[in-house]
């Protein structure tokens, strides 16, 4: 099999198909956790006590967390497009092929 060549530029860096696949895997792994963090940051929790209420505020800012979530979604979308294009443009030749 021939060596991987650069498929495109992603976030200012040239990447190979193998690197793009690894990045996609990382994004897909991290996305559910980030989505959960966005959900937790969207609400404050009120614990009702007899005489007083305790309001628990989120640890992370909703705006910052949501922005990070959208950036990760956009990066994943871009990567998927690059991988799809590379799948159509890349030819693999094996040693035993003539």
Protein backbone atom coordinates (compact mmCIF):
# COMPACT_ATOMS: atom_id res chain seq x y z
CA UNK A 1 0.00 0.00 0.00
CA UNK A 2 1.30 3.47 -0.75
CA UNK A 3 1.93 6.06 1.94
CA UNK A 4 -0.85 8.42 2.96
CA UNK A 5 -0.68 11.77 1.29
CA UNK A 6 -2.14 15.01 2.46
CA UNK A 7 -5.81 15.28 1.67
CA UNK A 8 -6.50 18.86 2.61
CA UNK A 9 -6.06 21.67 5.06
CA UNK A 10 -7.96 21.56 8.34
CA UNK A 11 -7.72 24.48 10.77
CA UNK A 12 -4.64 25.79 8.98
CA UNK A 13 -2.73 22.50 8.97
CA UNK A 14 -2.33 19.95 6.24
CA UNK A 15 -3.61 16.53 7.31
CA UNK A 16 -3.58 13.03 5.91
CA UNK A 17 -6.61 10.81 5.56
CA UNK A 18 -5.47 8.74 8.56
CA UNK A 19 -5.15 11.88 10.71
CA UNK A 20 -8.58 13.07 9.58
CA UNK A 21 -10.10 9.73 10.56
CA UNK A 22 -8.45 9.88 14.00
CA UNK A 23 -9.69 13.45 14.53
CA UNK A 24 -13.21 12.43 13.52
CA UNK A 25 -13.07 9.57 16.01
CA UNK A 26 -11.96 11.97 18.76
CA UNK A 27 -14.71 14.48 17.96
CA UNK A 28 -17.37 11.76 17.90
CA UNK A 29 -16.12 10.48 21.27
CA UNK A 30 -16.05 13.93 22.91
CA UNK A 31 -19.32 15.26 21.50
CA UNK A 32 -21.81 13.50 23.87
CA UNK A 33 -19.89 14.68 26.95
CA UNK A 34 -19.83 18.23 25.64
CA UNK A 35 -23.54 18.07 24.84
CA UNK A 36 -24.23 16.96 28.41
CA UNK A 37 -22.12 19.84 29.74
CA UNK A 38 -24.15 22.29 27.62
CA UNK A 39 -27.36 20.86 29.04
CA UNK A 40 -26.09 21.16 32.62
CA UNK A 41 -24.90 24.73 31.99
CA UNK A 42 -28.29 25.79 30.64
CA UNK A 43 -30.14 25.48 33.95
CA UNK A 44 -29.66 26.40 37.56
CA UNK A 45 -30.91 24.00 40.20
CA UNK A 46 -32.99 25.08 43.16
CA UNK A 47 -33.01 22.92 46.27
CA UNK A 48 -36.01 23.79 48.42
CA UNK A 49 -35.35 23.75 52.16
CA UNK A 50 -37.79 24.53 54.95
CA UNK A 51 -36.73 28.11 55.57
CA UNK A 52 -34.54 28.90 52.58
CA UNK A 53 -33.88 27.91 49.00
CA UNK A 54 -30.42 26.91 47.80
CA UNK A 55 -29.68 27.85 44.20
CA UNK A 56 -26.89 25.87 42.58
CA UNK A 57 -25.43 27.64 39.58
CA UNK A 58 -23.71 25.75 36.74
CA UNK A 59 -19.93 25.34 36.90
CA UNK A 60 -19.48 26.35 33.26
CA UNK A 61 -20.85 29.36 31.43
CA UNK A 62 -23.64 28.40 29.03
CA UNK A 63 -22.47 30.81 26.32
CA UNK A 64 -18.88 29.53 26.38
CA UNK A 65 -19.91 25.87 26.53
CA UNK A 66 -22.47 26.26 23.76
CA UNK A 67 -19.94 28.11 21.59
CA UNK A 68 -17.44 25.27 22.10
CA UNK A 69 -20.15 22.74 21.22
CA UNK A 70 -21.03 24.57 17.99
CA UNK A 71 -17.34 24.88 17.05
CA UNK A 72 -16.87 21.15 17.57
CA UNK A 73 -19.94 20.37 15.45
CA UNK A 74 -18.64 22.63 12.67
CA UNK A 75 -15.20 21.00 12.81
CA UNK A 76 -16.78 17.55 12.67
CA UNK A 77 -18.91 18.58 9.68
CA UNK A 78 -15.82 19.93 7.91
CA UNK A 79 -13.85 16.76 8.65
CA UNK A 80 -16.63 14.54 7.36
CA UNK A 81 -16.69 16.55 4.12
CA UNK A 82 -12.91 16.27 3.73
CA UNK A 83 -12.99 12.53 4.39
CA UNK A 84 -15.85 12.06 1.94
CA UNK A 85 -13.97 13.99 -0.76
CA UNK A 86 -10.78 12.05 -0.06
CA UNK A 87 -12.62 8.75 -0.36
CA UNK A 88 -13.60 9.64 -3.91
CA UNK A 89 -10.25 11.11 -4.89
CA UNK A 90 -7.79 8.67 -3.31
CA UNK A 91 -6.60 5.51 -5.01
CA UNK A 92 -4.82 2.80 -3.08
CA UNK A 93 -2.48 0.42 -4.88
CA UNK A 94 -1.30 -2.74 -3.16
CA UNK A 95 2.10 -4.32 -3.82
CA UNK A 96 0.69 -7.49 -5.36
CA UNK A 97 -1.45 -5.52 -7.86
CA UNK A 98 -0.06 -5.05 -11.35
